[in-house]
Amino acid sequence: MYKIERPKFYAAAIVIVWHDSYGGLRINRKCQVIDTDGNPIPGLYAGCEASGGGNQHGLGRGLVHAYIAGTNAHEEPAA
């Protein structure tokens, strides 16, 4: 958009796979984090790059998990 007339010039390549992770916390279909015994941890939700078990990445995964986690966290009774 704007003409760059003087140095110093810097550039960075950012590709989604460079920061993507296929690891993460184990979650159920409500995006609740699962403990080592397979039970949901009350009040703890994860999504996006923090959740494991999926091979999707990026904005789609982030938005879907955020919606699922937020909806279920809102519906969970207060401790």
C-alpha atoms as a PDB file:
ATOM      1  CA  MET A   1       0.000   0.000   0.000  1.00  0.00           C
ATOM      2  CA  TYR A   2       2.845   2.363   0.763  1.00  0.00           C
ATOM      3  CA  LYS A   3       6.116   2.818  -1.025  1.00  0.00           C
ATOM      4  CA  ILE A   4       9.105   1.737   1.076  1.00  0.00           C
ATOM      5  CA  GLU A   5      11.831   4.227   0.266  1.00  0.00           C
ATOM      6  CA  ARG A   6      14.611   3.681   2.813  1.00  0.00           C
ATOM      7  CA  PRO A   7      16.281   0.681   4.412  1.00  0.00           C
ATOM      8  CA  LYS A   8      16.294  -1.087   6.983  1.00  0.00           C
ATOM      9  CA  PHE A   9      14.092  -3.773   5.460  1.00  0.00           C
ATOM     10  CA  TYR A  10      12.916  -6.805   7.388  1.00  0.00           C
ATOM     11  CA  ALA A  11      10.838  -9.763   6.332  1.00  0.00           C
ATOM     12  CA  ALA A  12       9.392 -12.800   8.009  1.00  0.00           C
ATOM     13  CA  ALA A  13       7.718 -15.853   6.569  1.00  0.00           C
ATOM     14  CA  ILE A  14       4.846 -17.168   8.630  1.00  0.00           C
ATOM     15  CA  VAL A  15       3.290 -20.432   7.575  1.00  0.00           C
ATOM     16  CA  ILE A  16       0.550 -22.037   9.643  1.00  0.00           C
ATOM     17  CA  VAL A  17       2.304 -25.404   9.849  1.00  0.00           C
ATOM     18  CA  TRP A  18       5.290 -23.857  11.572  1.00  0.00           C
ATOM     19  CA  HIS A  19       3.326 -23.036  14.690  1.00  0.00           C
ATOM     20  CA  ASP A  20       0.659 -25.699  14.478  1.00  0.00           C
ATOM     21  CA  SER A  21       0.584 -28.562  16.933  1.00  0.00           C
ATOM     22  CA  TYR A  22      -1.133 -31.907  16.607  1.00  0.00           C
ATOM     23  CA  GLY A  23      -0.503 -32.625  20.283  1.00  0.00           C
ATOM     24  CA  GLY A  24      -2.262 -31.010  23.186  1.00  0.00           C
ATOM     25  CA  LEU A  25      -4.680 -31.682  25.978  1.00  0.00           C
ATOM     26  CA  ARG A  26      -7.104 -34.573  25.714  1.00  0.00           C
ATOM     27  CA  ILE A  27     -10.684 -33.321  25.415  1.00  0.00           C
ATOM     28  CA  ASN A  28     -14.155 -34.776  25.040  1.00  0.00           C
ATOM     29  CA  ARG A  29     -16.824 -33.612  22.591  1.00  0.00           C
ATOM     30  CA  LYS A  30     -17.782 -30.778  24.947  1.00  0.00           C
ATOM     31  CA  CYS A  31     -14.150 -29.559  24.839  1.00  0.00           C
ATOM     32  CA  GLN A  32     -13.721 -30.437  28.537  1.00  0.00           C
ATOM     33  CA  VAL A  33     -10.168 -31.403  29.430  1.00  0.00           C
ATOM     34  CA  ILE A  34      -9.953 -35.090  30.380  1.00  0.00           C
ATOM     35  CA  ASP A  35      -7.790 -36.313  33.258  1.00  0.00           C
ATOM     36  CA  THR A  36      -5.625 -39.452  33.202  1.00  0.00           C
ATOM     37  CA  ASP A  37      -8.572 -41.564  34.384  1.00  0.00           C
ATOM     38  CA  GLY A  38     -10.754 -40.385  31.476  1.00  0.00           C
ATOM     39  CA  ASN A  39     -12.942 -38.083  33.572  1.00  0.00           C
ATOM     40  CA  PRO A  40     -13.650 -34.443  32.672  1.00  0.00           C
ATOM     41  CA  ILE A  41     -11.970 -31.862  34.901  1.00  0.00           C
ATOM     42  CA  PRO A  42     -14.757 -29.533  36.124  1.00  0.00           C
ATOM     43  CA  GLY A  43     -14.472 -25.996  34.790  1.00  0.00           C
ATOM     44  CA  LEU A  44     -11.501 -26.711  32.505  1.00  0.00           C
ATOM     45  CA  TYR A  45     -12.020 -26.447  28.754  1.00  0.00           C
ATOM     46  CA  ALA A  46      -9.559 -26.387  25.873  1.00  0.00           C
ATOM     47  CA  GLY A  47      -9.666 -25.723  22.191  1.00  0.00           C
ATOM     48  CA  CYS A  48      -7.689 -24.491  19.224  1.00  0.00           C
ATOM     49  CA  GLU A  49      -4.004 -25.378  19.378  1.00  0.00           C
ATOM     50  CA  ALA A  50      -4.268 -26.379  23.065  1.00  0.00           C
ATOM     51  CA  SER A  51      -6.474 -29.361  22.298  1.00  0.00           C
ATOM     52  CA  GLY A  52      -5.184 -32.616  20.938  1.00  0.00           C
ATOM     53  CA  GLY A  53      -6.548 -35.423  18.882  1.00  0.00           C
ATOM     54  CA  GLY A  54      -7.352 -33.587  15.681  1.00  0.00           C
ATOM     55  CA  ASN A  55      -5.666 -33.057  12.379  1.00  0.00           C
ATOM     56  CA  GLN A  56      -7.377 -29.760  11.632  1.00  0.00           C
ATOM     57  CA  HIS A  57      -5.676 -26.463  12.306  1.00  0.00           C
ATOM     58  CA  GLY A  58      -6.122 -22.760  11.914  1.00  0.00           C
ATOM     59  CA  LEU A  59      -9.075 -20.450  12.200  1.00  0.00           C
ATOM     60  CA  GLY A  60     -11.738 -23.095  11.570  1.00  0.00           C
ATOM     61  CA  ARG A  61     -10.534 -25.284  14.409  1.00  0.00           C
ATOM     62  CA  GLY A  62     -10.163 -22.272  16.653  1.00  0.00           C
ATOM     63  CA  LEU A  63     -13.652 -20.940  16.019  1.00  0.00           C
ATOM     64  CA  VAL A  64     -15.374 -24.302  16.345  1.00  0.00           C
ATOM     65  CA  HIS A  65     -13.588 -25.236  19.561  1.00  0.00           C
ATOM     66  CA  ALA A  66     -14.096 -21.761  21.016  1.00  0.00           C
ATOM     67  CA  TYR A  67     -17.833 -21.980  20.328  1.00  0.00           C
ATOM     68  CA  ILE A  68     -18.154 -25.493  21.788  1.00  0.00           C
ATOM     69  CA  ALA A  69     -16.025 -24.740  24.857  1.00  0.00           C
ATOM     70  CA  GLY A  70     -17.653 -21.366  25.515  1.00  0.00           C
ATOM     71  CA  THR A  71     -21.178 -22.721  25.161  1.00  0.00           C
ATOM     72  CA  ASN A  72     -20.532 -25.635  27.501  1.00  0.00           C
ATOM     73  CA  ALA A  73     -18.612 -23.525  30.031  1.00  0.00           C
ATOM     74  CA  HIS A  74     -21.533 -21.094  30.147  1.00  0.00           C
ATOM     75  CA  GLU A  75     -23.997 -23.934  30.765  1.00  0.00           C
ATOM     76  CA  GLU A  76     -21.877 -25.548  33.513  1.00  0.00           C
ATOM     77  CA  PRO A  77     -23.154 -24.784  37.008  1.00  0.00           C
ATOM     78  CA  ALA A  78     -20.947 -22.514  39.096  1.00  0.00           C
ATOM     79  CA  ALA A  79     -18.731 -24.275  41.617  1.00  0.00           C
END
